């Protein structure tokens, strides 16, 4: 028969094991909250690596890899739209807050809603138009010199725009709750 101290220690170990396991919704929420940052880190890493390799091969080995130079600006399109989505999530976009700061609290709520509606309408329009462009690119099967479809680059516009709208609504809801 195990002693009471051993039973207590076993219970404590079981509790620690159980508490280290995250329930799926918490893990999914954590991934969702950081999807842009993770993608941006990967894309920026690849952009820096590709740029470094092309500089070294061009100036050290005198073997220019000009065809791969096209990849960095294409990845930059993704970085731009994902970065806009990440910035709206943090309220990190540049803005003129002079009038907003001078407005009373009630007017600020109205301004928040107007800003959300204006940005949301713009980015929803951008998403719709971007999706039409991607659809045309898929139909035409346009290929870049690197051998991947050109719609891959164009897909950054609707994906980033929809993420922007979703993050703007989330940020506005958090702001209204006071969180």
Foldseek 3Di string as FASTA:
>chain_A
DDDPVVVVVVVVVVVVVVVVDDDVVVVVVVCVLCVLVVLLVVLVVVLVVLVVVQVCCCPVVVHHPVQCVVVNVLSVLLNVLSVLLNCLLVVNDDDDCPVLVPDDPVVNLVVLVVVLVVLLVVLVVQLVVLVVVLVVQVVVQDAGPVGDGPSVSSNSSNVSSVSNSVSNVVNSVCVVVVD
